[in-house]
PDB file of N, CA and C in Angstrom:
ATOM      1  N   MET A   1       1.798  65.789 -45.969  1.00  0.00           N
ATOM      2  CA  MET A   1       1.432  66.360 -44.673  1.00  0.00           C
ATOM      3  C   MET A   1       0.791  65.278 -43.817  1.00  0.00           C
ATOM      4  N   ASN A   2       1.540  64.312 -43.387  1.00  0.00           N
ATOM      5  CA  ASN A   2       1.080  63.285 -42.461  1.00  0.00           C
ATOM      6  C   ASN A   2      -0.169  62.546 -42.916  1.00  0.00           C
ATOM      7  N   GLY A   3      -0.204  62.098 -44.156  1.00  0.00           N
ATOM      8  CA  GLY A   3      -1.344  61.340 -44.638  1.00  0.00           C
ATOM      9  C   GLY A   3      -2.593  62.158 -44.852  1.00  0.00           C
ATOM     10  N   ARG A   4      -2.453  63.420 -45.116  1.00  0.00           N
ATOM     11  CA  ARG A   4      -3.602  64.297 -45.355  1.00  0.00           C
ATOM     12  C   ARG A   4      -3.573  64.800 -46.792  1.00  0.00           C
ATOM     13  N   THR A   5      -4.753  65.056 -47.320  1.00  0.00           N
ATOM     14  CA  THR A   5      -4.876  65.680 -48.625  1.00  0.00           C
ATOM     15  C   THR A   5      -5.544  67.033 -48.437  1.00  0.00           C
ATOM     16  N   VAL A   6      -4.934  68.074 -48.977  1.00  0.00           N
ATOM     17  CA  VAL A   6      -5.500  69.419 -48.888  1.00  0.00           C
ATOM     18  C   VAL A   6      -6.515  69.589 -50.019  1.00  0.00           C
ATOM     19  N   LEU A   7      -7.755  69.865 -49.655  1.00  0.00           N
ATOM     20  CA  LEU A   7      -8.813  70.083 -50.638  1.00  0.00           C
ATOM     21  C   LEU A   7      -8.896  71.541 -51.064  1.00  0.00           C
ATOM     22  N   ALA A   8      -8.641  72.451 -50.130  1.00  0.00           N
ATOM     23  CA  ALA A   8      -8.742  73.881 -50.432  1.00  0.00           C
ATOM     24  C   ALA A   8      -7.924  74.671 -49.422  1.00  0.00           C
ATOM     25  N   ARG A   9      -7.591  75.890 -49.806  1.00  0.00           N
ATOM     26  CA  ARG A   9      -6.775  76.792 -48.980  1.00  0.00           C
ATOM     27  C   ARG A   9      -7.482  78.154 -48.963  1.00  0.00           C
ATOM     28  N   PHE A  10      -7.622  78.737 -47.769  1.00  0.00           N
ATOM     29  CA  PHE A  10      -8.296  80.017 -47.615  1.00  0.00           C
ATOM     30  C   PHE A  10      -7.429  80.950 -46.774  1.00  0.00           C
ATOM     31  N   PRO A  11      -7.285  82.213 -47.184  1.00  0.00           N
ATOM     32  CA  PRO A  11      -6.480  83.155 -46.385  1.00  0.00           C
ATOM     33  C   PRO A  11      -7.113  83.379 -45.012  1.00  0.00           C
ATOM     34  N   ALA A  12      -6.270  83.546 -44.005  1.00  0.00           N
ATOM     35  CA  ALA A  12      -6.768  83.733 -42.638  1.00  0.00           C
ATOM     36  C   ALA A  12      -7.396  85.105 -42.436  1.00  0.00           C
ATOM     37  N   GLY A  13      -7.083  86.062 -43.258  1.00  0.00           N
ATOM     38  CA  GLY A  13      -7.564  87.431 -43.066  1.00  0.00           C
ATOM     39  C   GLY A  13      -8.868  87.736 -43.778  1.00  0.00           C
ATOM     40  N   GLY A  14      -9.827  86.833 -43.740  1.00  0.00           N
ATOM     41  CA  GLY A  14     -11.107  87.063 -44.407  1.00  0.00           C
ATOM     42  C   GLY A  14     -11.942  88.109 -43.695  1.00  0.00           C
ATOM     43  N   PRO A  15     -13.030  88.527 -44.319  1.00  0.00           N
ATOM     44  CA  PRO A  15     -13.910  89.523 -43.705  1.00  0.00           C
ATOM     45  C   PRO A  15     -14.497  89.031 -42.378  1.00  0.00           C
ATOM     46  N   ARG A  16     -14.712  89.929 -41.476  1.00  0.00           N
ATOM     47  CA  ARG A  16     -15.271  89.595 -40.163  1.00  0.00           C
ATOM     48  C   ARG A  16     -16.618  88.908 -40.326  1.00  0.00           C
ATOM     49  N   GLY A  17     -16.795  87.794 -39.623  1.00  0.00           N
ATOM     50  CA  GLY A  17     -18.052  87.054 -39.695  1.00  0.00           C
ATOM     51  C   GLY A  17     -18.125  86.092 -40.865  1.00  0.00           C
ATOM     52  N   SER A  18     -17.088  86.038 -41.666  1.00  0.00           N
ATOM     53  CA  SER A  18     -17.049  85.144 -42.816  1.00  0.00           C
ATOM     54  C   SER A  18     -16.204  83.924 -42.465  1.00  0.00           C
ATOM     55  N   TRP A  19     -16.716  82.737 -42.749  1.00  0.00           N
ATOM     56  CA  TRP A  19     -16.017  81.495 -42.436  1.00  0.00           C
ATOM     57  C   TRP A  19     -15.972  80.604 -43.677  1.00  0.00           C
ATOM     58  N   PRO A  20     -15.315  81.034 -44.759  1.00  0.00           N
ATOM     59  CA  PRO A  20     -15.347  80.261 -46.001  1.00  0.00           C
ATOM     60  C   PRO A  20     -14.736  78.864 -45.874  1.00  0.00           C
ATOM     61  N   ALA A  21     -13.692  78.707 -45.085  1.00  0.00           N
ATOM     62  CA  ALA A  21     -13.090  77.384 -44.929  1.00  0.00           C
ATOM     63  C   ALA A  21     -14.056  76.436 -44.227  1.00  0.00           C
ATOM     64  N   GLU A  22     -14.710  76.912 -43.181  1.00  0.00           N
ATOM     65  CA  GLU A  22     -15.687  76.077 -42.462  1.00  0.00           C
ATOM     66  C   GLU A  22     -16.880  75.730 -43.344  1.00  0.00           C
ATOM     67  N   GLU A  23     -17.324  76.684 -44.142  1.00  0.00           N
ATOM     68  CA  GLU A  23     -18.453  76.425 -45.042  1.00  0.00           C
ATOM     69  C   GLU A  23     -18.074  75.402 -46.107  1.00  0.00           C
ATOM     70  N   PHE A  24     -16.864  75.511 -46.655  1.00  0.00           N
ATOM     71  CA  PHE A  24     -16.387  74.561 -47.652  1.00  0.00           C
ATOM     72  C   PHE A  24     -16.272  73.163 -47.044  1.00  0.00           C
ATOM     73  N   ALA A  25     -15.699  73.082 -45.830  1.00  0.00           N
ATOM     74  CA  ALA A  25     -15.554  71.787 -45.159  1.00  0.00           C
ATOM     75  C   ALA A  25     -16.915  71.166 -44.871  1.00  0.00           C
ATOM     76  N   GLN A  26     -17.871  71.966 -44.432  1.00  0.00           N
ATOM     77  CA  GLN A  26     -19.216  71.447 -44.158  1.00  0.00           C
ATOM     78  C   GLN A  26     -19.855  70.884 -45.425  1.00  0.00           C
ATOM     79  N   ALA A  27     -19.688  71.562 -46.540  1.00  0.00           N
ATOM     80  CA  ALA A  27     -20.235  71.069 -47.805  1.00  0.00           C
ATOM     81  C   ALA A  27     -19.603  69.728 -48.185  1.00  0.00           C
ATOM     82  N   ARG A  28     -18.295  69.565 -47.932  1.00  0.00           N
ATOM     83  CA  ARG A  28     -17.630  68.290 -48.220  1.00  0.00           C
ATOM     84  C   ARG A  28     -18.141  67.195 -47.295  1.00  0.00           C
ATOM     85  N   ARG A  29     -18.405  67.545 -46.018  1.00  0.00           N
ATOM     86  CA  ARG A  29     -18.934  66.545 -45.084  1.00  0.00           C
ATOM     87  C   ARG A  29     -20.328  66.095 -45.511  1.00  0.00           C
ATOM     88  N   VAL A  30     -21.133  67.003 -46.014  1.00  0.00           N
ATOM     89  CA  VAL A  30     -22.460  66.645 -46.521  1.00  0.00           C
ATOM     90  C   VAL A  30     -22.332  65.657 -47.682  1.00  0.00           C
ATOM     91  N   GLU A  31     -21.276  65.802 -48.477  1.00  0.00           N
ATOM     92  CA  GLU A  31     -21.008  64.893 -49.596  1.00  0.00           C
ATOM     93  C   GLU A  31     -20.402  63.563 -49.133  1.00  0.00           C
ATOM     94  N   GLY A  32     -20.075  63.449 -47.850  1.00  0.00           N
ATOM     95  CA  GLY A  32     -19.537  62.196 -47.332  1.00  0.00           C
ATOM     96  C   GLY A  32     -18.042  62.171 -47.093  1.00  0.00           C
ATOM     97  N   GLN A  33     -17.350  63.270 -47.339  1.00  0.00           N
ATOM     98  CA  GLN A  33     -15.912  63.324 -47.073  1.00  0.00           C
ATOM     99  C   GLN A  33     -15.692  63.830 -45.646  1.00  0.00           C
ATOM    100  N   PRO A  34     -14.795  63.200 -44.904  1.00  0.00           N
ATOM    101  CA  PRO A  34     -14.538  63.640 -43.519  1.00  0.00           C
ATOM    102  C   PRO A  34     -13.602  64.855 -43.475  1.00  0.00           C
ATOM    103  N   ALA A  35     -14.031  65.955 -44.031  1.00  0.00           N
ATOM    104  CA  ALA A  35     -13.200  67.154 -44.140  1.00  0.00           C
ATOM    105  C   ALA A  35     -13.134  67.886 -42.809  1.00  0.00           C
ATOM    106  N   GLU A  36     -11.975  68.485 -42.565  1.00  0.00           N
ATOM    107  CA  GLU A  36     -11.789  69.311 -41.377  1.00  0.00           C
ATOM    108  C   GLU A  36     -10.919  70.508 -41.728  1.00  0.00           C
ATOM    109  N   VAL A  37     -10.995  71.528 -40.899  1.00  0.00           N
ATOM    110  CA  VAL A  37     -10.225  72.752 -41.122  1.00  0.00           C
ATOM    111  C   VAL A  37      -9.054  72.775 -40.146  1.00  0.00           C
ATOM    112  N   VAL A  38      -7.874  73.056 -40.685  1.00  0.00           N
ATOM    113  CA  VAL A  38      -6.673  73.216 -39.863  1.00  0.00           C
ATOM    114  C   VAL A  38      -6.000  74.529 -40.242  1.00  0.00           C
ATOM    115  N   MET A  39      -5.216  75.062 -39.328  1.00  0.00           N
ATOM    116  CA  MET A  39      -4.493  76.309 -39.580  1.00  0.00           C
ATOM    117  C   MET A  39      -3.061  75.988 -39.971  1.00  0.00           C
ATOM    118  N   ASP A  40      -2.616  76.570 -41.081  1.00  0.00           N
ATOM    119  CA  ASP A  40      -1.222  76.455 -41.499  1.00  0.00           C
ATOM    120  C   ASP A  40      -0.535  77.751 -41.086  1.00  0.00           C
ATOM    121  N   LEU A  41       0.204  77.700 -39.991  1.00  0.00           N
ATOM    122  CA  LEU A  41       0.838  78.904 -39.454  1.00  0.00           C
ATOM    123  C   LEU A  41       1.922  79.457 -40.365  1.00  0.00           C
ATOM    124  N   MET A  42       2.589  78.587 -41.114  1.00  0.00           N
ATOM    125  CA  MET A  42       3.666  79.039 -42.004  1.00  0.00           C
ATOM    126  C   MET A  42       3.140  79.949 -43.115  1.00  0.00           C
ATOM    127  N   THR A  43       1.935  79.670 -43.617  1.00  0.00           N
ATOM    128  CA  THR A  43       1.377  80.470 -44.713  1.00  0.00           C
ATOM    129  C   THR A  43       0.225  81.366 -44.271  1.00  0.00           C
ATOM    130  N   ASP A  44      -0.123  81.330 -42.977  1.00  0.00           N
ATOM    131  CA  ASP A  44      -1.240  82.114 -42.438  1.00  0.00           C
ATOM    132  C   ASP A  44      -2.508  81.853 -43.235  1.00  0.00           C
ATOM    133  N   ALA A  45      -2.833  80.563 -43.369  1.00  0.00           N
ATOM    134  CA  ALA A  45      -4.012  80.170 -44.137  1.00  0.00           C
ATOM    135  C   ALA A  45      -4.728  79.025 -43.437  1.00  0.00           C
ATOM    136  N   PHE A  46      -6.033  78.945 -43.692  1.00  0.00           N
ATOM    137  CA  PHE A  46      -6.817  77.810 -43.237  1.00  0.00           C
ATOM    138  C   PHE A  46      -6.840  76.788 -44.361  1.00  0.00           C
ATOM    139  N   LEU A  47      -6.594  75.522 -44.020  1.00  0.00           N
ATOM    140  CA  LEU A  47      -6.623  74.446 -44.997  1.00  0.00           C
ATOM    141  C   LEU A  47      -7.786  73.529 -44.693  1.00  0.00           C
ATOM    142  N   VAL A  48      -8.495  73.119 -45.732  1.00  0.00           N
ATOM    143  CA  VAL A  48      -9.525  72.099 -45.586  1.00  0.00           C
ATOM    144  C   VAL A  48      -8.871  70.801 -46.016  1.00  0.00           C
ATOM    145  N   VAL A  49      -8.800  69.848 -45.094  1.00  0.00           N
ATOM    146  CA  VAL A  49      -8.083  68.600 -45.346  1.00  0.00           C
ATOM    147  C   VAL A  49      -8.958  67.392 -45.053  1.00  0.00           C
ATOM    148  N   VAL A  50      -8.578  66.274 -45.651  1.00  0.00           N
ATOM    149  CA  VAL A  50      -9.123  64.970 -45.271  1.00  0.00           C
ATOM    150  C   VAL A  50      -7.931  64.107 -44.910  1.00  0.00           C
ATOM    151  N   ARG A  51      -8.087  63.272 -43.918  1.00  0.00           N
ATOM    152  CA  ARG A  51      -6.997  62.426 -43.439  1.00  0.00           C
ATOM    153  C   ARG A  51      -7.102  61.019 -44.003  1.00  0.00           C
ATOM    154  N   GLY A  52      -5.968  60.326 -44.003  1.00  0.00           N
ATOM    155  CA  GLY A  52      -5.950  58.913 -44.309  1.00  0.00           C
ATOM    156  C   GLY A  52      -5.654  58.587 -45.742  1.00  0.00           C
ATOM    157  N   ALA A  53      -5.477  57.285 -45.996  1.00  0.00           N
ATOM    158  CA  ALA A  53      -5.089  56.786 -47.318  1.00  0.00           C
ATOM    159  C   ALA A  53      -6.180  56.989 -48.356  1.00  0.00           C
ATOM    160  N   ASP A  54      -7.442  56.972 -47.954  1.00  0.00           N
ATOM    161  CA  ASP A  54      -8.535  57.117 -48.916  1.00  0.00           C
ATOM    162  C   ASP A  54      -8.901  58.572 -49.157  1.00  0.00           C
ATOM    163  N   ALA A  55      -8.080  59.504 -48.700  1.00  0.00           N
ATOM    164  CA  ALA A  55      -8.374  60.935 -48.793  1.00  0.00           C
ATOM    165  C   ALA A  55      -8.467  61.418 -50.239  1.00  0.00           C
ATOM    166  N   ALA A  56      -7.728  60.806 -51.156  1.00  0.00           N
ATOM    167  CA  ALA A  56      -7.698  61.289 -52.534  1.00  0.00           C
ATOM    168  C   ALA A  56      -8.917  60.836 -53.331  1.00  0.00           C
ATOM    169  N   GLU A  57      -9.729  59.978 -52.787  1.00  0.00           N
ATOM    170  CA  GLU A  57     -10.879  59.489 -53.537  1.00  0.00           C
ATOM    171  C   GLU A  57     -11.974  60.514 -53.642  1.00  0.00           C
TER     172      GLU A  57
END
């Protein structure tokens, strides 16, 4: 996926007021990984990804 590594996948239909993908990404950023949340329209899911060649580290 264009030099990205998917760290986690979360269904888009979560409970109202719940942001598990954002919370997971924030925890990864605290650990030093440049994680971000993107929407995968084909699977109707939020993906937490890191970009670049060093993403798998």
